[in-house]
Amino acid sequence: MSTFDELHGFFLEDLNVGMSDLFAKTITEADIVMFAGVTGDTNPVHLNQEFAENTMFKERIAHGMLSAGLISTVFGTKLPGPGAIYMNQSLNFKAPVCIGDTVVAKVVLKEINGRRVSFDCTCYVGETLVMDGEATLMVAKKPK
């Protein structure tokens, strides 16, 4: 077996509608600061406690795209896994994520259309839906 085969995630032939997987992460101060550094998004609602206290959230919140990134983690490491190509994503942000919250990102395969596979995506903190959306990925067929 080649290194490619060992590292590759699911191939198209291995997928079935209804398959799902998830990734959970507790959001830390460091996550928010590093995300701001990497992306350049230094909105003070994420980084400045005094500013955030005067917003509707009353405290600092994580970047919405940080939670969305956890969806990408599922796709890139679990389902479909390494080798899948992210094509598009729609996102609906429903509630804030704060430092110390554990975000559970889940994807459910809803459609297979040729090499394109579509997923429903959600992120929850406890019972609270913080983000939902849909994504399409391209998945390789098994090598001959």
C-alpha atoms as a PDB file:
ATOM      1  CA  MET A   1       0.000   0.000   0.000  1.00  0.00           C
ATOM      2  CA  SER A   2       1.394   3.398  -0.943  1.00  0.00           C
ATOM      3  CA  THR A   3       1.688   6.413   1.343  1.00  0.00           C
ATOM      4  CA  PHE A   4      -1.023   8.052  -0.787  1.00  0.00           C
ATOM      5  CA  ASP A   5      -3.459   5.232  -0.024  1.00  0.00           C
ATOM      6  CA  GLU A   6      -2.563   5.271   3.675  1.00  0.00           C
ATOM      7  CA  LEU A   7      -3.153   9.016   3.992  1.00  0.00           C
ATOM      8  CA  HIS A   8      -6.201   9.361   1.728  1.00  0.00           C
ATOM      9  CA  GLY A   9      -9.659   9.630   3.281  1.00  0.00           C
ATOM     10  CA  PHE A  10     -12.847   8.171   1.845  1.00  0.00           C
ATOM     11  CA  PHE A  11     -13.074   7.643  -1.892  1.00  0.00           C
ATOM     12  CA  LEU A  12     -16.348   8.312  -3.698  1.00  0.00           C
ATOM     13  CA  GLU A  13     -17.213   4.608  -3.773  1.00  0.00           C
ATOM     14  CA  ASP A  14     -16.944   4.445   0.044  1.00  0.00           C
ATOM     15  CA  LEU A  15     -19.504   7.191   0.705  1.00  0.00           C
ATOM     16  CA  ASN A  16     -23.205   6.822   1.460  1.00  0.00           C
ATOM     17  CA  VAL A  17     -25.918   9.406   2.078  1.00  0.00           C
ATOM     18  CA  GLY A  18     -26.446   9.791   5.825  1.00  0.00           C
ATOM     19  CA  MET A  19     -22.810   9.308   6.830  1.00  0.00           C
ATOM     20  CA  SER A  20     -21.729  11.834   9.446  1.00  0.00           C
ATOM     21  CA  ASP A  21     -18.795  12.838  11.591  1.00  0.00           C
ATOM     22  CA  LEU A  22     -17.872  15.583  14.019  1.00  0.00           C
ATOM     23  CA  PHE A  23     -15.081  17.491  15.695  1.00  0.00           C
ATOM     24  CA  ALA A  24     -15.274  19.277  19.045  1.00  0.00           C
ATOM     25  CA  LYS A  25     -13.020  22.025  20.378  1.00  0.00           C
ATOM     26  CA  THR A  26     -13.100  24.288  23.404  1.00  0.00           C
ATOM     27  CA  ILE A  27     -12.362  27.832  22.232  1.00  0.00           C
ATOM     28  CA  THR A  28      -9.534  29.539  24.112  1.00  0.00           C
ATOM     29  CA  GLU A  29      -8.161  33.063  24.367  1.00  0.00           C
ATOM     30  CA  ALA A  30      -5.157  31.849  22.367  1.00  0.00           C
ATOM     31  CA  ASP A  31      -7.398  30.515  19.566  1.00  0.00           C
ATOM     32  CA  ILE A  32      -9.031  33.925  19.151  1.00  0.00           C
ATOM     33  CA  VAL A  33      -5.768  35.868  19.289  1.00  0.00           C
ATOM     34  CA  MET A  34      -4.048  33.506  16.833  1.00  0.00           C
ATOM     35  CA  PHE A  35      -7.038  33.558  14.464  1.00  0.00           C
ATOM     36  CA  ALA A  36      -6.940  37.367  14.499  1.00  0.00           C
ATOM     37  CA  GLY A  37      -3.214  37.261  13.777  1.00  0.00           C
ATOM     38  CA  VAL A  38      -3.500  34.798  10.916  1.00  0.00           C
ATOM     39  CA  THR A  39      -6.500  36.440   9.251  1.00  0.00           C
ATOM     40  CA  GLY A  40      -5.920  40.094  10.134  1.00  0.00           C
ATOM     41  CA  ASP A  41      -9.476  40.330  11.535  1.00  0.00           C
ATOM     42  CA  THR A  42      -8.809  42.498  14.571  1.00  0.00           C
ATOM     43  CA  ASN A  43     -12.410  43.588  15.161  1.00  0.00           C
ATOM     44  CA  PRO A  44     -12.360  44.707  18.821  1.00  0.00           C
ATOM     45  CA  VAL A  45     -15.466  42.636  19.618  1.00  0.00           C
ATOM     46  CA  HIS A  46     -13.049  39.684  19.482  1.00  0.00           C
ATOM     47  CA  LEU A  47     -10.013  41.214  21.177  1.00  0.00           C
ATOM     48  CA  ASN A  48     -10.997  44.094  23.473  1.00  0.00           C
ATOM     49  CA  GLN A  49     -13.023  43.320  26.606  1.00  0.00           C
ATOM     50  CA  GLU A  50     -13.989  46.940  27.293  1.00  0.00           C
ATOM     51  CA  PHE A  51     -15.253  47.399  23.751  1.00  0.00           C
ATOM     52  CA  ALA A  52     -17.102  44.053  23.787  1.00  0.00           C
ATOM     53  CA  GLU A  53     -18.878  44.896  27.063  1.00  0.00           C
ATOM     54  CA  ASN A  54     -20.615  47.742  25.246  1.00  0.00           C
ATOM     55  CA  THR A  55     -21.939  45.515  22.447  1.00  0.00           C
ATOM     56  CA  MET A  56     -25.096  43.414  22.399  1.00  0.00           C
ATOM     57  CA  PHE A  57     -22.948  40.395  23.365  1.00  0.00           C
ATOM     58  CA  LYS A  58     -21.631  42.011  26.594  1.00  0.00           C
ATOM     59  CA  GLU A  59     -18.404  40.007  26.286  1.00  0.00           C
ATOM     60  CA  ARG A  60     -15.760  39.104  23.740  1.00  0.00           C
ATOM     61  CA  ILE A  61     -16.870  36.608  21.115  1.00  0.00           C
ATOM     62  CA  ALA A  62     -14.959  34.306  18.811  1.00  0.00           C
ATOM     63  CA  HIS A  63     -14.788  35.037  15.100  1.00  0.00           C
ATOM     64  CA  GLY A  64     -17.631  33.302  13.275  1.00  0.00           C
ATOM     65  CA  MET A  65     -15.147  31.935  10.781  1.00  0.00           C
ATOM     66  CA  LEU A  66     -13.275  30.239  13.626  1.00  0.00           C
ATOM     67  CA  SER A  67     -16.317  28.013  14.179  1.00  0.00           C
ATOM     68  CA  ALA A  68     -16.659  27.581  10.412  1.00  0.00           C
ATOM     69  CA  GLY A  69     -13.040  26.428  10.373  1.00  0.00           C
ATOM     70  CA  LEU A  70     -14.028  23.498  12.585  1.00  0.00           C
ATOM     71  CA  ILE A  71     -16.323  22.309   9.781  1.00  0.00           C
ATOM     72  CA  SER A  72     -13.277  22.399   7.513  1.00  0.00           C
ATOM     73  CA  THR A  73     -11.457  20.264  10.084  1.00  0.00           C
ATOM     74  CA  VAL A  74     -14.097  17.541   9.771  1.00  0.00           C
ATOM     75  CA  PHE A  75     -13.907  17.636   5.976  1.00  0.00           C
ATOM     76  CA  GLY A  76     -10.120  17.639   5.803  1.00  0.00           C
ATOM     77  CA  THR A  77      -9.411  15.030   8.465  1.00  0.00           C
ATOM     78  CA  LYS A  78     -12.467  12.790   8.869  1.00  0.00           C
ATOM     79  CA  LEU A  79     -15.284  12.881   6.308  1.00  0.00           C
ATOM     80  CA  PRO A  80     -14.572  12.710   3.441  1.00  0.00           C
ATOM     81  CA  GLY A  81     -11.052  13.254   4.812  1.00  0.00           C
ATOM     82  CA  PRO A  82      -7.673  13.863   3.208  1.00  0.00           C
ATOM     83  CA  GLY A  83      -7.815  14.293  -0.555  1.00  0.00           C
ATOM     84  CA  ALA A  84     -11.285  15.879  -0.670  1.00  0.00           C
ATOM     85  CA  ILE A  85     -11.485  19.312  -2.276  1.00  0.00           C
ATOM     86  CA  TYR A  86     -13.664  21.993  -0.658  1.00  0.00           C
ATOM     87  CA  MET A  87     -15.707  23.688  -3.401  1.00  0.00           C
ATOM     88  CA  ASN A  88     -18.246  25.921  -1.652  1.00  0.00           C
ATOM     89  CA  GLN A  89     -19.886  26.662   1.680  1.00  0.00           C
ATOM     90  CA  SER A  90     -22.929  28.617   2.815  1.00  0.00           C
ATOM     91  CA  LEU A  91     -23.023  29.746   6.444  1.00  0.00           C
ATOM     92  CA  ASN A  92     -25.688  31.121   8.736  1.00  0.00           C
ATOM     93  CA  PHE A  93     -24.426  32.440  12.066  1.00  0.00           C
ATOM     94  CA  LYS A  94     -27.119  31.986  14.731  1.00  0.00           C
ATOM     95  CA  ALA A  95     -25.503  32.709  18.108  1.00  0.00           C
ATOM     96  CA  PRO A  96     -22.152  33.867  19.492  1.00  0.00           C
ATOM     97  CA  VAL A  97     -19.319  31.623  20.639  1.00  0.00           C
ATOM     98  CA  CYS A  98     -17.376  32.833  23.673  1.00  0.00           C
ATOM     99  CA  ILE A  99     -14.050  31.945  25.259  1.00  0.00           C
ATOM    100  CA  GLY A 100     -14.484  28.648  27.100  1.00  0.00           C
ATOM    101  CA  ASP A 101     -17.349  27.403  24.923  1.00  0.00           C
ATOM    102  CA  THR A 102     -16.976  23.945  23.419  1.00  0.00           C
ATOM    103  CA  VAL A 103     -18.075  23.972  19.784  1.00  0.00           C
ATOM    104  CA  VAL A 104     -19.198  20.692  18.229  1.00  0.00           C
ATOM    105  CA  ALA A 105     -18.970  20.838  14.429  1.00  0.00           C
ATOM    106  CA  LYS A 106     -20.929  18.136  12.599  1.00  0.00           C
ATOM    107  CA  VAL A 107     -21.364  17.273   8.929  1.00  0.00           C
ATOM    108  CA  VAL A 108     -23.969  14.928   7.417  1.00  0.00           C
ATOM    109  CA  LEU A 109     -23.680  13.725   3.824  1.00  0.00           C
ATOM    110  CA  LYS A 110     -26.951  14.608   2.106  1.00  0.00           C
ATOM    111  CA  GLU A 111     -26.316  14.067  -1.625  1.00  0.00           C
ATOM    112  CA  ILE A 112     -23.882  12.434  -4.023  1.00  0.00           C
ATOM    113  CA  ASN A 113     -23.944  13.876  -7.532  1.00  0.00           C
ATOM    114  CA  GLY A 114     -21.094  12.487  -9.597  1.00  0.00           C
ATOM    115  CA  ARG A 115     -17.839  13.386  -7.829  1.00  0.00           C
ATOM    116  CA  ARG A 116     -19.545  16.254  -5.985  1.00  0.00           C
ATOM    117  CA  VAL A 117     -20.888  15.483  -2.534  1.00  0.00           C
ATOM    118  CA  SER A 118     -23.086  17.828  -0.502  1.00  0.00           C
ATOM    119  CA  PHE A 119     -23.252  18.068   3.262  1.00  0.00           C
ATOM    120  CA  ASP A 120     -25.439  19.707   5.878  1.00  0.00           C
ATOM    121  CA  CYS A 121     -23.185  21.423   8.416  1.00  0.00           C
ATOM    122  CA  THR A 122     -23.896  22.511  11.983  1.00  0.00           C
ATOM    123  CA  CYS A 123     -22.015  23.871  14.974  1.00  0.00           C
ATOM    124  CA  TYR A 124     -23.488  23.649  18.455  1.00  0.00           C
ATOM    125  CA  VAL A 125     -22.462  24.907  21.872  1.00  0.00           C
ATOM    126  CA  GLY A 126     -24.391  22.599  24.179  1.00  0.00           C
ATOM    127  CA  GLU A 127     -27.957  22.613  22.875  1.00  0.00           C
ATOM    128  CA  THR A 128     -27.537  25.997  21.149  1.00  0.00           C
ATOM    129  CA  LEU A 129     -27.160  26.040  17.371  1.00  0.00           C
ATOM    130  CA  VAL A 130     -24.464  28.641  16.685  1.00  0.00           C
ATOM    131  CA  MET A 131     -24.009  28.044  12.957  1.00  0.00           C
ATOM    132  CA  ASP A 132     -25.519  26.016  10.138  1.00  0.00           C
ATOM    133  CA  GLY A 133     -25.088  25.759   6.411  1.00  0.00           C
ATOM    134  CA  GLU A 134     -24.310  23.548   3.465  1.00  0.00           C
ATOM    135  CA  ALA A 135     -21.097  22.600   1.702  1.00  0.00           C
ATOM    136  CA  THR A 136     -20.056  20.872  -1.500  1.00  0.00           C
ATOM    137  CA  LEU A 137     -16.821  18.945  -1.879  1.00  0.00           C
ATOM    138  CA  MET A 138     -15.222  17.038  -4.726  1.00  0.00           C
ATOM    139  CA  VAL A 139     -14.148  13.495  -3.881  1.00  0.00           C
ATOM    140  CA  ALA A 140     -11.826  11.280  -5.900  1.00  0.00           C
ATOM    141  CA  LYS A 141     -12.758   7.879  -7.232  1.00  0.00           C
ATOM    142  CA  LYS A 142     -10.632   4.911  -6.191  1.00  0.00           C
ATOM    143  CA  PRO A 143      -7.479   4.610  -8.283  1.00  0.00           C
ATOM    144  CA  LYS A 144      -7.577   1.787 -10.793  1.00  0.00           C
END
